[in-house]
N, C-alpha and C. Protein backbone atom coordinates (compact mmCIF):
# COMPACT_ATOMS: atom_id res chain seq x y z
N MET A 1 -14.17 -44.47 -37.34
CA MET A 1 -14.55 -44.48 -35.95
C MET A 1 -14.25 -45.86 -35.38
N PRO A 2 -13.51 -45.93 -34.29
CA PRO A 2 -13.17 -47.22 -33.71
C PRO A 2 -14.39 -47.87 -33.06
N LEU A 3 -14.42 -49.18 -33.12
CA LEU A 3 -15.50 -49.91 -32.48
C LEU A 3 -15.25 -50.08 -31.00
N VAL A 4 -13.99 -50.18 -30.63
CA VAL A 4 -13.62 -50.36 -29.24
C VAL A 4 -12.51 -49.38 -28.92
N SER A 5 -12.61 -48.70 -27.82
CA SER A 5 -11.57 -47.77 -27.41
C SER A 5 -11.38 -47.92 -25.91
N GLY A 6 -10.14 -47.84 -25.46
CA GLY A 6 -9.90 -47.95 -24.04
C GLY A 6 -8.66 -47.17 -23.65
N GLU A 7 -8.58 -46.79 -22.41
CA GLU A 7 -7.42 -46.06 -21.91
C GLU A 7 -6.99 -46.69 -20.58
N THR A 8 -5.68 -46.70 -20.36
CA THR A 8 -5.15 -47.15 -19.08
C THR A 8 -3.76 -46.55 -18.91
N LYS A 9 -3.29 -46.35 -17.68
CA LYS A 9 -1.96 -45.82 -17.41
C LYS A 9 -0.94 -46.97 -17.50
N VAL A 10 0.15 -46.71 -18.24
CA VAL A 10 1.23 -47.69 -18.34
C VAL A 10 2.56 -46.96 -18.32
N LYS A 11 3.62 -47.67 -17.95
CA LYS A 11 4.95 -47.07 -17.96
C LYS A 11 5.70 -47.45 -19.22
N GLU A 12 5.85 -48.73 -19.46
CA GLU A 12 6.54 -49.19 -20.65
C GLU A 12 5.78 -50.37 -21.24
N ILE A 13 5.74 -50.40 -22.55
CA ILE A 13 5.04 -51.50 -23.22
C ILE A 13 5.53 -51.56 -24.66
N ASP A 14 5.62 -52.74 -25.20
CA ASP A 14 5.98 -52.89 -26.60
C ASP A 14 4.71 -52.76 -27.43
N LEU A 15 4.49 -51.58 -27.97
CA LEU A 15 3.25 -51.28 -28.68
C LEU A 15 3.08 -52.14 -29.93
N HIS A 16 4.18 -52.37 -30.63
CA HIS A 16 4.10 -53.19 -31.84
C HIS A 16 3.66 -54.61 -31.50
N LEU A 17 4.21 -55.17 -30.44
CA LEU A 17 3.84 -56.53 -30.02
C LEU A 17 2.37 -56.58 -29.64
N LEU A 18 1.89 -55.55 -28.96
CA LEU A 18 0.49 -55.51 -28.57
C LEU A 18 -0.42 -55.43 -29.80
N GLU A 19 -0.05 -54.63 -30.78
CA GLU A 19 -0.82 -54.56 -32.03
C GLU A 19 -0.85 -55.91 -32.72
N GLN A 20 0.30 -56.58 -32.78
CA GLN A 20 0.36 -57.88 -33.43
C GLN A 20 -0.51 -58.92 -32.73
N ARG A 21 -0.55 -58.86 -31.40
CA ARG A 21 -1.41 -59.79 -30.65
C ARG A 21 -2.88 -59.53 -30.95
N LEU A 22 -3.25 -58.27 -31.06
CA LEU A 22 -4.64 -57.93 -31.39
C LEU A 22 -4.99 -58.40 -32.80
N LEU A 23 -4.09 -58.16 -33.74
CA LEU A 23 -4.33 -58.54 -35.13
C LEU A 23 -4.37 -60.05 -35.34
N ALA A 24 -3.82 -60.80 -34.42
CA ALA A 24 -3.84 -62.26 -34.52
C ALA A 24 -5.23 -62.84 -34.24
N HIS A 25 -6.10 -62.04 -33.65
CA HIS A 25 -7.46 -62.50 -33.37
C HIS A 25 -8.26 -62.54 -34.67
N ASP A 26 -8.98 -63.64 -34.91
CA ASP A 26 -9.72 -63.84 -36.16
C ASP A 26 -10.73 -62.74 -36.47
N HIS A 27 -11.30 -62.14 -35.47
CA HIS A 27 -12.36 -61.16 -35.67
C HIS A 27 -11.85 -59.72 -35.80
N VAL A 28 -10.56 -59.51 -35.60
CA VAL A 28 -9.99 -58.17 -35.67
C VAL A 28 -9.50 -57.88 -37.08
N LYS A 29 -10.02 -56.80 -37.64
CA LYS A 29 -9.66 -56.38 -38.99
C LYS A 29 -8.46 -55.42 -38.95
N ALA A 30 -8.47 -54.50 -38.00
CA ALA A 30 -7.40 -53.51 -37.87
C ALA A 30 -7.25 -53.13 -36.40
N ALA A 31 -6.03 -52.80 -36.02
CA ALA A 31 -5.77 -52.38 -34.65
C ALA A 31 -4.66 -51.35 -34.63
N ARG A 32 -4.79 -50.41 -33.74
CA ARG A 32 -3.74 -49.40 -33.55
C ARG A 32 -3.57 -49.17 -32.07
N VAL A 33 -2.33 -49.12 -31.63
CA VAL A 33 -2.02 -48.91 -30.23
C VAL A 33 -1.05 -47.73 -30.15
N ALA A 34 -1.33 -46.81 -29.23
CA ALA A 34 -0.47 -45.64 -29.07
C ALA A 34 -0.36 -45.28 -27.60
N LEU A 35 0.76 -44.69 -27.26
CA LEU A 35 1.01 -44.21 -25.91
C LEU A 35 1.13 -42.70 -25.99
N ASN A 36 0.28 -41.96 -25.29
CA ASN A 36 0.36 -40.50 -25.36
C ASN A 36 1.37 -39.98 -24.34
N PRO A 37 1.73 -38.70 -24.40
CA PRO A 37 2.75 -38.14 -23.49
C PRO A 37 2.41 -38.28 -22.01
N ALA A 38 1.13 -38.40 -21.67
CA ALA A 38 0.73 -38.56 -20.27
C ALA A 38 0.87 -40.00 -19.80
N GLY A 39 1.30 -40.89 -20.70
CA GLY A 39 1.48 -42.29 -20.33
C GLY A 39 0.22 -43.13 -20.44
N GLU A 40 -0.79 -42.61 -21.12
CA GLU A 40 -2.02 -43.36 -21.30
C GLU A 40 -1.93 -44.22 -22.56
N LEU A 41 -2.33 -45.44 -22.42
CA LEU A 41 -2.35 -46.36 -23.54
C LEU A 41 -3.70 -46.22 -24.24
N ARG A 42 -3.66 -45.98 -25.53
CA ARG A 42 -4.89 -45.88 -26.32
C ARG A 42 -4.90 -47.04 -27.32
N VAL A 43 -6.03 -47.71 -27.38
CA VAL A 43 -6.17 -48.87 -28.25
C VAL A 43 -7.42 -48.68 -29.12
N TRP A 44 -7.25 -48.81 -30.42
CA TRP A 44 -8.36 -48.74 -31.37
C TRP A 44 -8.41 -50.08 -32.09
N VAL A 45 -9.60 -50.65 -32.13
CA VAL A 45 -9.79 -51.94 -32.79
C VAL A 45 -10.99 -51.84 -33.73
N ARG A 46 -10.81 -52.33 -34.94
CA ARG A 46 -11.93 -52.44 -35.89
C ARG A 46 -12.12 -53.93 -36.19
N GLN A 47 -13.37 -54.36 -36.07
CA GLN A 47 -13.67 -55.77 -36.28
C GLN A 47 -14.12 -56.02 -37.72
N HIS A 48 -13.98 -57.26 -38.15
CA HIS A 48 -14.56 -57.67 -39.43
C HIS A 48 -16.08 -57.58 -39.30
N GLN A 49 -16.76 -57.27 -40.40
CA GLN A 49 -18.21 -57.13 -40.41
C GLN A 49 -18.85 -58.36 -41.06
N PRO A 50 -19.46 -59.24 -40.26
CA PRO A 50 -20.15 -60.39 -40.86
C PRO A 50 -21.37 -59.94 -41.65
N VAL A 51 -21.62 -60.58 -42.80
CA VAL A 51 -22.83 -60.30 -43.58
C VAL A 51 -23.68 -61.56 -43.73
N ALA A 52 -23.13 -62.72 -43.36
CA ALA A 52 -23.90 -63.96 -43.41
C ALA A 52 -23.22 -65.00 -42.51
N ARG A 53 -24.04 -65.91 -42.03
CA ARG A 53 -23.52 -67.04 -41.25
C ARG A 53 -23.72 -68.30 -42.07
N VAL A 54 -22.64 -69.01 -42.31
CA VAL A 54 -22.70 -70.27 -43.05
C VAL A 54 -22.96 -71.37 -42.03
N VAL A 55 -24.14 -71.99 -42.16
CA VAL A 55 -24.56 -73.04 -41.23
C VAL A 55 -24.20 -74.38 -41.85
N ARG A 56 -23.45 -75.16 -41.09
CA ARG A 56 -22.99 -76.45 -41.57
C ARG A 56 -23.48 -77.54 -40.64
N SER A 57 -23.93 -78.65 -41.20
CA SER A 57 -24.49 -79.73 -40.37
C SER A 57 -23.41 -80.61 -39.74
N ARG A 58 -22.27 -80.73 -40.39
CA ARG A 58 -21.25 -81.67 -39.89
C ARG A 58 -19.94 -81.00 -39.50
N ALA A 59 -19.94 -79.69 -39.41
CA ALA A 59 -18.72 -78.97 -39.03
C ALA A 59 -19.12 -77.63 -38.42
N ALA A 60 -18.13 -76.94 -37.93
CA ALA A 60 -18.39 -75.65 -37.28
C ALA A 60 -18.89 -74.62 -38.29
N ASP A 61 -19.81 -73.77 -37.83
CA ASP A 61 -20.30 -72.67 -38.66
C ASP A 61 -19.19 -71.65 -38.86
N ALA A 62 -19.41 -70.73 -39.79
CA ALA A 62 -18.46 -69.65 -40.05
C ALA A 62 -19.24 -68.43 -40.48
N TYR A 63 -18.63 -67.26 -40.31
CA TYR A 63 -19.20 -66.03 -40.82
C TYR A 63 -18.51 -65.66 -42.13
N LEU A 64 -19.28 -65.15 -43.07
CA LEU A 64 -18.75 -64.55 -44.28
C LEU A 64 -18.75 -63.05 -44.04
N THR A 65 -17.60 -62.39 -44.21
CA THR A 65 -17.51 -60.95 -43.94
C THR A 65 -17.83 -60.14 -45.18
N ASP A 66 -17.93 -58.83 -44.98
CA ASP A 66 -18.22 -57.91 -46.09
C ASP A 66 -17.08 -57.84 -47.10
N GLU A 67 -15.95 -58.44 -46.79
CA GLU A 67 -14.82 -58.49 -47.73
C GLU A 67 -14.66 -59.87 -48.36
N GLY A 68 -15.61 -60.77 -48.10
CA GLY A 68 -15.54 -62.11 -48.67
C GLY A 68 -14.63 -63.05 -47.90
N LEU A 69 -14.25 -62.71 -46.70
CA LEU A 69 -13.41 -63.58 -45.87
C LEU A 69 -14.30 -64.46 -45.00
N LEU A 70 -13.79 -65.60 -44.64
CA LEU A 70 -14.50 -66.47 -43.72
C LEU A 70 -13.79 -66.43 -42.38
N ILE A 71 -14.56 -66.20 -41.33
CA ILE A 71 -14.01 -66.18 -39.98
C ILE A 71 -14.85 -67.10 -39.11
N PRO A 72 -14.25 -67.66 -38.07
CA PRO A 72 -15.02 -68.56 -37.21
C PRO A 72 -16.07 -67.79 -36.41
N VAL A 73 -17.12 -68.50 -36.00
CA VAL A 73 -18.10 -67.88 -35.12
C VAL A 73 -17.48 -67.73 -33.74
N SER A 74 -18.00 -66.80 -32.98
CA SER A 74 -17.50 -66.53 -31.64
C SER A 74 -18.43 -67.17 -30.61
N PRO A 75 -17.88 -67.73 -29.55
CA PRO A 75 -18.75 -68.27 -28.49
C PRO A 75 -19.41 -67.16 -27.67
N ARG A 76 -18.94 -65.92 -27.84
CA ARG A 76 -19.45 -64.79 -27.04
C ARG A 76 -20.32 -63.83 -27.82
N PHE A 77 -20.46 -64.04 -29.11
CA PHE A 77 -21.15 -63.06 -29.95
C PHE A 77 -21.86 -63.78 -31.08
N SER A 78 -23.07 -63.35 -31.37
CA SER A 78 -23.80 -63.89 -32.50
C SER A 78 -24.30 -62.72 -33.34
N ALA A 79 -23.82 -62.61 -34.55
CA ALA A 79 -24.21 -61.51 -35.43
C ALA A 79 -25.62 -61.76 -35.98
N ARG A 80 -26.39 -60.71 -36.07
CA ARG A 80 -27.74 -60.81 -36.65
C ARG A 80 -27.60 -60.62 -38.16
N VAL A 81 -27.44 -61.73 -38.85
CA VAL A 81 -27.24 -61.73 -40.30
C VAL A 81 -28.01 -62.89 -40.91
N MET A 82 -28.14 -62.88 -42.24
CA MET A 82 -28.76 -64.00 -42.94
C MET A 82 -27.94 -65.26 -42.72
N THR A 83 -28.62 -66.41 -42.75
CA THR A 83 -27.91 -67.67 -42.70
C THR A 83 -27.88 -68.27 -44.11
N LEU A 84 -26.83 -69.01 -44.37
CA LEU A 84 -26.66 -69.72 -45.65
C LEU A 84 -26.46 -71.19 -45.34
N SER A 85 -27.06 -72.04 -46.16
CA SER A 85 -26.84 -73.47 -46.01
C SER A 85 -26.87 -74.11 -47.40
N GLY A 86 -26.53 -75.38 -47.44
CA GLY A 86 -26.55 -76.10 -48.70
C GLY A 86 -25.16 -76.37 -49.22
N PRO A 87 -25.08 -77.15 -50.30
CA PRO A 87 -23.77 -77.53 -50.85
C PRO A 87 -22.94 -76.34 -51.32
N GLY A 88 -23.56 -75.30 -51.83
CA GLY A 88 -22.82 -74.11 -52.25
C GLY A 88 -22.24 -73.35 -51.06
N ALA A 89 -22.98 -73.33 -49.96
CA ALA A 89 -22.47 -72.69 -48.74
C ALA A 89 -21.29 -73.48 -48.19
N GLU A 90 -21.40 -74.79 -48.24
CA GLU A 90 -20.28 -75.65 -47.81
C GLU A 90 -19.04 -75.38 -48.67
N ALA A 91 -19.26 -75.22 -49.97
CA ALA A 91 -18.14 -74.93 -50.88
C ALA A 91 -17.47 -73.60 -50.54
N LEU A 92 -18.25 -72.64 -50.04
CA LEU A 92 -17.66 -71.37 -49.60
C LEU A 92 -16.62 -71.60 -48.51
N VAL A 93 -17.00 -72.38 -47.52
CA VAL A 93 -16.11 -72.64 -46.39
C VAL A 93 -14.88 -73.43 -46.82
N LEU A 94 -15.05 -74.29 -47.79
CA LEU A 94 -13.93 -75.10 -48.27
C LEU A 94 -13.09 -74.38 -49.33
N HIS A 95 -13.42 -73.11 -49.58
CA HIS A 95 -12.70 -72.27 -50.55
C HIS A 95 -12.73 -72.87 -51.95
N GLU A 96 -13.88 -73.44 -52.32
CA GLU A 96 -14.05 -74.06 -53.63
C GLU A 96 -14.92 -73.23 -54.57
N VAL A 97 -15.16 -71.97 -54.20
CA VAL A 97 -16.01 -71.09 -55.01
C VAL A 97 -15.10 -70.15 -55.80
N PRO A 98 -15.30 -70.04 -57.11
CA PRO A 98 -14.48 -69.11 -57.90
C PRO A 98 -14.62 -67.67 -57.39
N GLU A 99 -13.55 -66.92 -57.52
CA GLU A 99 -13.48 -65.56 -56.96
C GLU A 99 -14.62 -64.67 -57.46
N LYS A 100 -14.94 -64.73 -58.74
CA LYS A 100 -16.01 -63.89 -59.29
C LYS A 100 -17.35 -64.17 -58.60
N GLN A 101 -17.70 -65.43 -58.43
CA GLN A 101 -18.95 -65.79 -57.79
C GLN A 101 -18.93 -65.43 -56.30
N LEU A 102 -17.78 -65.58 -55.66
CA LEU A 102 -17.66 -65.18 -54.26
C LEU A 102 -17.90 -63.68 -54.11
N GLN A 103 -17.30 -62.89 -55.02
CA GLN A 103 -17.49 -61.44 -54.98
C GLN A 103 -18.96 -61.07 -55.21
N GLU A 104 -19.62 -61.71 -56.17
CA GLU A 104 -21.03 -61.42 -56.44
C GLU A 104 -21.90 -61.75 -55.23
N LEU A 105 -21.66 -62.91 -54.64
CA LEU A 105 -22.44 -63.32 -53.46
C LEU A 105 -22.18 -62.36 -52.30
N THR A 106 -20.93 -61.99 -52.09
CA THR A 106 -20.60 -61.07 -51.01
C THR A 106 -21.27 -59.72 -51.23
N GLN A 107 -21.24 -59.21 -52.46
CA GLN A 107 -21.90 -57.93 -52.75
C GLN A 107 -23.40 -58.01 -52.52
N PHE A 108 -24.02 -59.12 -52.90
CA PHE A 108 -25.45 -59.33 -52.66
C PHE A 108 -25.74 -59.29 -51.15
N LEU A 109 -24.96 -60.03 -50.38
CA LEU A 109 -25.18 -60.10 -48.93
C LEU A 109 -24.93 -58.75 -48.26
N LYS A 110 -23.93 -58.01 -48.73
CA LYS A 110 -23.69 -56.65 -48.21
C LYS A 110 -24.89 -55.76 -48.50
N TYR A 111 -25.45 -55.89 -49.69
CA TYR A 111 -26.62 -55.09 -50.07
C TYR A 111 -27.80 -55.41 -49.16
N VAL A 112 -28.07 -56.69 -48.95
CA VAL A 112 -29.17 -57.10 -48.07
C VAL A 112 -28.93 -56.59 -46.67
N TYR A 113 -27.71 -56.75 -46.17
CA TYR A 113 -27.37 -56.32 -44.82
C TYR A 113 -27.54 -54.81 -44.65
N GLY A 114 -27.25 -54.05 -45.69
CA GLY A 114 -27.31 -52.59 -45.61
C GLY A 114 -28.65 -51.98 -45.94
N ASP A 115 -29.61 -52.79 -46.39
CA ASP A 115 -30.92 -52.27 -46.77
C ASP A 115 -31.93 -52.67 -45.70
N SER A 116 -32.60 -51.71 -45.10
CA SER A 116 -33.49 -52.01 -43.97
C SER A 116 -34.64 -52.95 -44.36
N PHE A 117 -35.20 -52.78 -45.57
CA PHE A 117 -36.30 -53.66 -45.98
C PHE A 117 -35.81 -55.09 -46.17
N TRP A 118 -34.78 -55.26 -47.01
CA TRP A 118 -34.32 -56.61 -47.29
C TRP A 118 -33.72 -57.28 -46.06
N PHE A 119 -33.07 -56.51 -45.22
CA PHE A 119 -32.47 -57.07 -44.00
C PHE A 119 -33.56 -57.63 -43.08
N SER A 120 -34.69 -56.94 -43.01
CA SER A 120 -35.77 -57.44 -42.16
C SER A 120 -36.59 -58.53 -42.84
N GLN A 121 -36.55 -58.59 -44.16
CA GLN A 121 -37.39 -59.53 -44.92
C GLN A 121 -36.72 -60.89 -45.14
N LEU A 122 -35.45 -60.91 -45.51
CA LEU A 122 -34.77 -62.15 -45.88
C LEU A 122 -33.98 -62.70 -44.69
N ILE A 123 -34.23 -63.97 -44.35
CA ILE A 123 -33.55 -64.53 -43.18
C ILE A 123 -32.62 -65.69 -43.51
N HIS A 124 -32.84 -66.34 -44.65
CA HIS A 124 -32.04 -67.53 -44.96
C HIS A 124 -31.95 -67.71 -46.47
N ALA A 125 -30.85 -68.30 -46.89
CA ALA A 125 -30.69 -68.67 -48.30
C ALA A 125 -30.10 -70.07 -48.39
N HIS A 126 -30.75 -70.90 -49.18
CA HIS A 126 -30.19 -72.21 -49.52
C HIS A 126 -29.36 -71.99 -50.78
N VAL A 127 -28.11 -72.42 -50.75
CA VAL A 127 -27.19 -72.23 -51.88
C VAL A 127 -26.89 -73.60 -52.47
N ASP A 128 -27.29 -73.80 -53.73
CA ASP A 128 -27.06 -75.11 -54.34
C ASP A 128 -25.67 -75.20 -54.97
N GLU A 129 -25.40 -76.31 -55.66
CA GLU A 129 -24.07 -76.56 -56.24
C GLU A 129 -23.66 -75.51 -57.28
N GLN A 130 -24.62 -74.94 -57.98
CA GLN A 130 -24.33 -73.91 -58.99
C GLN A 130 -24.35 -72.50 -58.40
N LEU A 131 -24.42 -72.42 -57.08
CA LEU A 131 -24.48 -71.15 -56.33
C LEU A 131 -25.76 -70.37 -56.62
N GLU A 132 -26.82 -71.10 -56.95
CA GLU A 132 -28.13 -70.48 -57.12
C GLU A 132 -28.80 -70.44 -55.76
N LEU A 133 -29.48 -69.33 -55.50
CA LEU A 133 -30.06 -69.06 -54.20
C LEU A 133 -31.56 -69.31 -54.18
N ALA A 134 -32.01 -69.93 -53.12
CA ALA A 134 -33.44 -70.01 -52.79
C ALA A 134 -33.57 -69.19 -51.51
N LEU A 135 -34.27 -68.05 -51.60
CA LEU A 135 -34.36 -67.11 -50.49
C LEU A 135 -35.62 -67.36 -49.67
N TYR A 136 -35.44 -67.40 -48.35
CA TYR A 136 -36.55 -67.61 -47.43
C TYR A 136 -36.81 -66.30 -46.68
N GLN A 137 -38.10 -66.01 -46.51
CA GLN A 137 -38.51 -64.74 -45.93
C GLN A 137 -38.87 -64.87 -44.45
N GLN A 138 -38.80 -63.76 -43.76
CA GLN A 138 -39.19 -63.68 -42.36
C GLN A 138 -40.70 -63.90 -42.23
N VAL A 139 -41.46 -63.31 -43.14
CA VAL A 139 -42.92 -63.41 -43.11
C VAL A 139 -43.39 -64.04 -44.42
N GLY A 140 -44.28 -64.98 -44.32
CA GLY A 140 -44.81 -65.62 -45.52
C GLY A 140 -44.12 -66.95 -45.79
N LYS A 141 -44.76 -67.72 -46.66
CA LYS A 141 -44.22 -69.05 -46.97
C LYS A 141 -43.59 -69.11 -48.35
N GLN A 142 -43.55 -67.99 -49.06
CA GLN A 142 -42.97 -68.00 -50.38
C GLN A 142 -41.46 -68.23 -50.30
N VAL A 143 -40.97 -69.01 -51.23
CA VAL A 143 -39.54 -69.21 -51.40
C VAL A 143 -39.19 -68.55 -52.73
N ILE A 144 -38.22 -67.67 -52.70
CA ILE A 144 -37.85 -66.94 -53.91
C ILE A 144 -36.72 -67.69 -54.61
N ALA A 145 -37.01 -68.25 -55.78
CA ALA A 145 -36.00 -68.91 -56.59
C ALA A 145 -35.23 -67.79 -57.29
N PHE A 146 -34.12 -67.39 -56.71
CA PHE A 146 -33.42 -66.17 -57.08
C PHE A 146 -32.39 -66.36 -58.18
N GLY A 147 -31.88 -67.55 -58.33
CA GLY A 147 -30.76 -67.77 -59.26
C GLY A 147 -29.46 -67.35 -58.59
N THR A 148 -28.44 -67.12 -59.37
CA THR A 148 -27.16 -66.69 -58.80
C THR A 148 -27.25 -65.24 -58.34
N ALA A 149 -26.24 -64.77 -57.67
CA ALA A 149 -26.23 -63.39 -57.16
C ALA A 149 -25.93 -62.36 -58.26
N GLU A 150 -25.64 -62.83 -59.45
CA GLU A 150 -25.36 -61.92 -60.56
C GLU A 150 -26.60 -61.05 -60.84
N HIS A 151 -26.39 -59.77 -61.06
CA HIS A 151 -27.47 -58.80 -61.34
C HIS A 151 -28.52 -58.77 -60.23
N PHE A 152 -28.08 -58.86 -58.99
CA PHE A 152 -29.00 -58.98 -57.87
C PHE A 152 -29.89 -57.76 -57.68
N VAL A 153 -29.42 -56.57 -58.00
CA VAL A 153 -30.26 -55.37 -57.81
C VAL A 153 -31.50 -55.45 -58.70
N GLN A 154 -31.31 -55.79 -59.97
CA GLN A 154 -32.43 -55.91 -60.89
C GLN A 154 -33.39 -57.02 -60.45
N LYS A 155 -32.84 -58.11 -59.95
CA LYS A 155 -33.68 -59.22 -59.50
C LYS A 155 -34.51 -58.80 -58.28
N LEU A 156 -33.89 -58.09 -57.35
CA LEU A 156 -34.63 -57.64 -56.18
C LEU A 156 -35.71 -56.64 -56.55
N GLU A 157 -35.46 -55.81 -57.56
CA GLU A 157 -36.48 -54.88 -58.03
C GLU A 157 -37.69 -55.64 -58.58
N LYS A 158 -37.44 -56.76 -59.24
CA LYS A 158 -38.55 -57.58 -59.75
C LYS A 158 -39.34 -58.22 -58.61
N VAL A 159 -38.64 -58.59 -57.55
CA VAL A 159 -39.33 -59.16 -56.40
C VAL A 159 -40.23 -58.10 -55.76
N ILE A 160 -39.77 -56.85 -55.71
CA ILE A 160 -40.58 -55.75 -55.19
C ILE A 160 -41.85 -55.61 -56.03
N VAL A 161 -41.73 -55.70 -57.35
CA VAL A 161 -42.91 -55.62 -58.22
C VAL A 161 -43.88 -56.74 -57.86
N PHE A 162 -43.35 -57.93 -57.60
CA PHE A 162 -44.21 -59.05 -57.19
C PHE A 162 -44.96 -58.69 -55.91
N TYR A 163 -44.24 -58.17 -54.91
CA TYR A 163 -44.87 -57.81 -53.63
C TYR A 163 -45.95 -56.74 -53.82
N GLU A 164 -45.68 -55.76 -54.66
CA GLU A 164 -46.59 -54.62 -54.80
C GLU A 164 -47.77 -54.88 -55.74
N GLU A 165 -47.54 -55.66 -56.81
CA GLU A 165 -48.57 -55.77 -57.84
C GLU A 165 -49.19 -57.15 -57.99
N ILE A 166 -48.43 -58.20 -57.78
CA ILE A 166 -48.94 -59.54 -58.04
C ILE A 166 -49.50 -60.19 -56.77
N ALA A 167 -48.72 -60.19 -55.71
CA ALA A 167 -49.14 -60.86 -54.47
C ALA A 167 -50.47 -60.34 -53.92
N PRO A 168 -50.74 -59.04 -53.97
CA PRO A 168 -52.03 -58.58 -53.45
C PRO A 168 -53.24 -59.13 -54.22
N ARG A 169 -53.05 -59.54 -55.45
CA ARG A 169 -54.14 -60.06 -56.28
C ARG A 169 -54.36 -61.56 -56.09
N ARG A 170 -53.42 -62.23 -55.46
CA ARG A 170 -53.51 -63.69 -55.27
C ARG A 170 -54.37 -64.01 -54.07
N ASP A 171 -54.81 -65.25 -53.98
CA ASP A 171 -55.63 -65.66 -52.84
C ASP A 171 -54.81 -66.19 -51.66
N GLY A 172 -53.49 -66.03 -51.72
CA GLY A 172 -52.63 -66.45 -50.62
C GLY A 172 -52.14 -67.88 -50.73
N THR A 173 -52.45 -68.59 -51.82
CA THR A 173 -52.05 -69.98 -51.95
C THR A 173 -50.70 -70.16 -52.64
N LEU A 174 -50.10 -69.09 -53.09
CA LEU A 174 -48.82 -69.18 -53.78
C LEU A 174 -47.74 -69.61 -52.79
N THR A 175 -46.99 -70.65 -53.10
CA THR A 175 -45.97 -71.14 -52.19
C THR A 175 -44.55 -70.97 -52.71
N SER A 176 -44.37 -70.65 -53.97
CA SER A 176 -43.02 -70.37 -54.47
C SER A 176 -43.13 -69.37 -55.62
N VAL A 177 -42.07 -68.62 -55.80
CA VAL A 177 -42.06 -67.59 -56.83
C VAL A 177 -41.09 -67.97 -57.90
């Protein structure tokens, strides 16, 4: 399903050139342009899907997409995604992260983005030099020392056990997990 669709009457146009111009935009993942027999121009555009925003203190921020690509932020659009910061996040932007770890982190962020509970619960991750995550929650002061994104499903299941069985028994003074 296209994210953007439009129609307009045209007489002649170089469709291939128009597609190439659309694909040159950093946020465009795929584009198709067609002219129907009635002379209507049809344009389909699919955008990259951000799953995290890399926040940098001394340079421009970037989005990490669901495919592990980095794209610049847009002055007209702000995606509602987790933020990442720290030396490991900086290494992402500088393309200094090994492919395996990049894939694991991307899969973790896609999972969080696609899960209604985790998407509403987790708002930020500090990524250290070893790509270990400290997860910050929307509600509460606990910081989840998560480790790397490897085996993230099992780790998140353990966090659920903490929420359901351990946290209710505490007096609320726990500040890190």
